Amino acid sequence: MTGSVDTFAFVAESQAGVSIHTCEVEVYGDDRWYMIRIPELDGLTQARHPGEIEDMARSYIAVSTDQPIDTVAVRFAPPR
């Protein structure tokens, strides 16, 4: 998962000259939800399915930083 996100950020930056804001996120299970912590923003959001994690994290970061979502990338922190 991490490799594809990092590659996305590098490719987007090099092709379009767009500045990509990358945040590290931590993900952990909480009952039926996946909790997504964004330490840089002291933020927390959630997803129901693993396939929603990246989108939910990017959406949270975009709204919190007033950035277009296509300029936001995430890097997943290794599990503790």
C-alpha atoms as a PDB file:
ATOM      1  CA  MET A   1       0.000   0.000   0.000  1.00  0.00           C
ATOM      2  CA  THR A   2       2.738   2.466   0.938  1.00  0.00           C
ATOM      3  CA  GLY A   3       4.647   2.013  -2.307  1.00  0.00           C
ATOM      4  CA  SER A   4       1.688   2.921  -4.495  1.00  0.00           C
ATOM      5  CA  VAL A   5       0.973   6.077  -2.501  1.00  0.00           C
ATOM      6  CA  ASP A   6       4.591   7.224  -2.569  1.00  0.00           C
ATOM      7  CA  THR A   7       4.793   6.493  -6.302  1.00  0.00           C
ATOM      8  CA  PHE A   8       1.599   8.485  -6.896  1.00  0.00           C
ATOM      9  CA  ALA A   9       3.044  11.482  -5.078  1.00  0.00           C
ATOM     10  CA  PHE A  10       6.338  11.325  -7.000  1.00  0.00           C
ATOM     11  CA  VAL A  11       4.684  10.905 -10.410  1.00  0.00           C
ATOM     12  CA  ALA A  12       2.138  13.673  -9.820  1.00  0.00           C
ATOM     13  CA  GLU A  13       4.854  16.049  -8.685  1.00  0.00           C
ATOM     14  CA  SER A  14       7.221  15.358 -11.542  1.00  0.00           C
ATOM     15  CA  GLN A  15       4.661  15.404 -14.379  1.00  0.00           C
ATOM     16  CA  ALA A  16       2.468  18.358 -13.465  1.00  0.00           C
ATOM     17  CA  GLY A  17       4.842  20.494 -11.415  1.00  0.00           C
ATOM     18  CA  VAL A  18       2.193  20.408  -8.667  1.00  0.00           C
ATOM     19  CA  SER A  19       3.216  20.515  -5.044  1.00  0.00           C
ATOM     20  CA  ILE A  20       1.969  17.418  -3.255  1.00  0.00           C
ATOM     21  CA  HIS A  21       1.232  17.564   0.462  1.00  0.00           C
ATOM     22  CA  THR A  22       2.042  14.169   1.973  1.00  0.00           C
ATOM     23  CA  CYS A  23       0.915  13.231   5.475  1.00  0.00           C
ATOM     24  CA  GLU A  24       1.774  10.132   7.423  1.00  0.00           C
ATOM     25  CA  VAL A  25      -1.269   8.282   8.735  1.00  0.00           C
ATOM     26  CA  GLU A  26      -1.735   5.510  11.266  1.00  0.00           C
ATOM     27  CA  VAL A  27      -4.512   2.953  10.864  1.00  0.00           C
ATOM     28  CA  TYR A  28      -5.915   0.612  13.480  1.00  0.00           C
ATOM     29  CA  GLY A  29      -9.027  -1.511  13.828  1.00  0.00           C
ATOM     30  CA  ASP A  30     -11.729  -0.520  16.295  1.00  0.00           C
ATOM     31  CA  ASP A  31     -14.589  -3.024  16.356  1.00  0.00           C
ATOM     32  CA  ARG A  32     -16.177  -2.788  12.892  1.00  0.00           C
ATOM     33  CA  TRP A  33     -14.323   0.397  11.869  1.00  0.00           C
ATOM     34  CA  TYR A  34     -10.840   1.319  10.751  1.00  0.00           C
ATOM     35  CA  MET A  35      -9.655   4.365  12.646  1.00  0.00           C
ATOM     36  CA  ILE A  36      -7.313   6.659  10.728  1.00  0.00           C
ATOM     37  CA  ARG A  37      -5.105   8.961  12.761  1.00  0.00           C
ATOM     38  CA  ILE A  38      -3.312  11.897  11.126  1.00  0.00           C
ATOM     39  CA  PRO A  39      -0.766  13.019  13.753  1.00  0.00           C
ATOM     40  CA  GLU A  40       0.437  16.054  11.786  1.00  0.00           C
ATOM     41  CA  LEU A  41      -3.064  17.547  12.001  1.00  0.00           C
ATOM     42  CA  ASP A  42      -4.009  15.982  15.340  1.00  0.00           C
ATOM     43  CA  GLY A  43      -6.885  14.465  13.369  1.00  0.00           C
ATOM     44  CA  LEU A  44      -8.930  11.311  13.418  1.00  0.00           C
ATOM     45  CA  THR A  45     -11.350   9.897  10.860  1.00  0.00           C
ATOM     46  CA  GLN A  46     -12.728   6.458  10.105  1.00  0.00           C
ATOM     47  CA  ALA A  47     -13.530   4.022   7.318  1.00  0.00           C
ATOM     48  CA  ARG A  48     -15.775   0.965   7.212  1.00  0.00           C
ATOM     49  CA  HIS A  49     -13.716  -1.004   4.682  1.00  0.00           C
ATOM     50  CA  PRO A  50      -9.981  -1.185   3.957  1.00  0.00           C
ATOM     51  CA  GLY A  51     -10.625   0.124   0.433  1.00  0.00           C
ATOM     52  CA  GLU A  52     -11.940   3.399   1.888  1.00  0.00           C
ATOM     53  CA  ILE A  53      -8.950   4.169   4.107  1.00  0.00           C
ATOM     54  CA  GLU A  54      -6.828   6.141   1.656  1.00  0.00           C
ATOM     55  CA  ASP A  55      -9.795   8.147   0.314  1.00  0.00           C
ATOM     56  CA  MET A  56     -11.048   9.014   3.796  1.00  0.00           C
ATOM     57  CA  ALA A  57      -7.564  10.089   4.924  1.00  0.00           C
ATOM     58  CA  ARG A  58      -6.986  12.213   1.812  1.00  0.00           C
ATOM     59  CA  SER A  59     -10.427  13.822   2.139  1.00  0.00           C
ATOM     60  CA  TYR A  60      -9.828  14.687   5.791  1.00  0.00           C
ATOM     61  CA  ILE A  61      -6.422  16.196   5.008  1.00  0.00           C
ATOM     62  CA  ALA A  62      -7.745  18.178   2.021  1.00  0.00           C
ATOM     63  CA  VAL A  63     -10.588  19.713   4.018  1.00  0.00           C
ATOM     64  CA  SER A  64      -8.426  20.405   7.079  1.00  0.00           C
ATOM     65  CA  THR A  65      -5.667  22.115   5.091  1.00  0.00           C
ATOM     66  CA  ASP A  66      -7.887  23.767   2.460  1.00  0.00           C
ATOM     67  CA  GLN A  67      -6.009  21.973  -0.332  1.00  0.00           C
ATOM     68  CA  PRO A  68      -7.412  20.354  -3.480  1.00  0.00           C
ATOM     69  CA  ILE A  69      -7.692  16.616  -2.883  1.00  0.00           C
ATOM     70  CA  ASP A  70      -5.574  15.862  -5.960  1.00  0.00           C
ATOM     71  CA  THR A  71      -2.618  17.569  -4.235  1.00  0.00           C
ATOM     72  CA  VAL A  72      -2.856  15.352  -1.146  1.00  0.00           C
ATOM     73  CA  ALA A  73      -1.090  12.015  -0.689  1.00  0.00           C
ATOM     74  CA  VAL A  74      -0.741   9.757   2.322  1.00  0.00           C
ATOM     75  CA  ARG A  75       2.053   7.560   3.579  1.00  0.00           C
ATOM     76  CA  PHE A  76       1.070   4.764   5.930  1.00  0.00           C
ATOM     77  CA  ALA A  77       3.064   4.535   9.142  1.00  0.00           C
ATOM     78  CA  PRO A  78       4.301   1.078  10.044  1.00  0.00           C
ATOM     79  CA  PRO A  79       2.163  -0.657  12.675  1.00  0.00           C
ATOM     80  CA  ARG A  80       3.350  -0.228  16.252  1.00  0.00           C
END
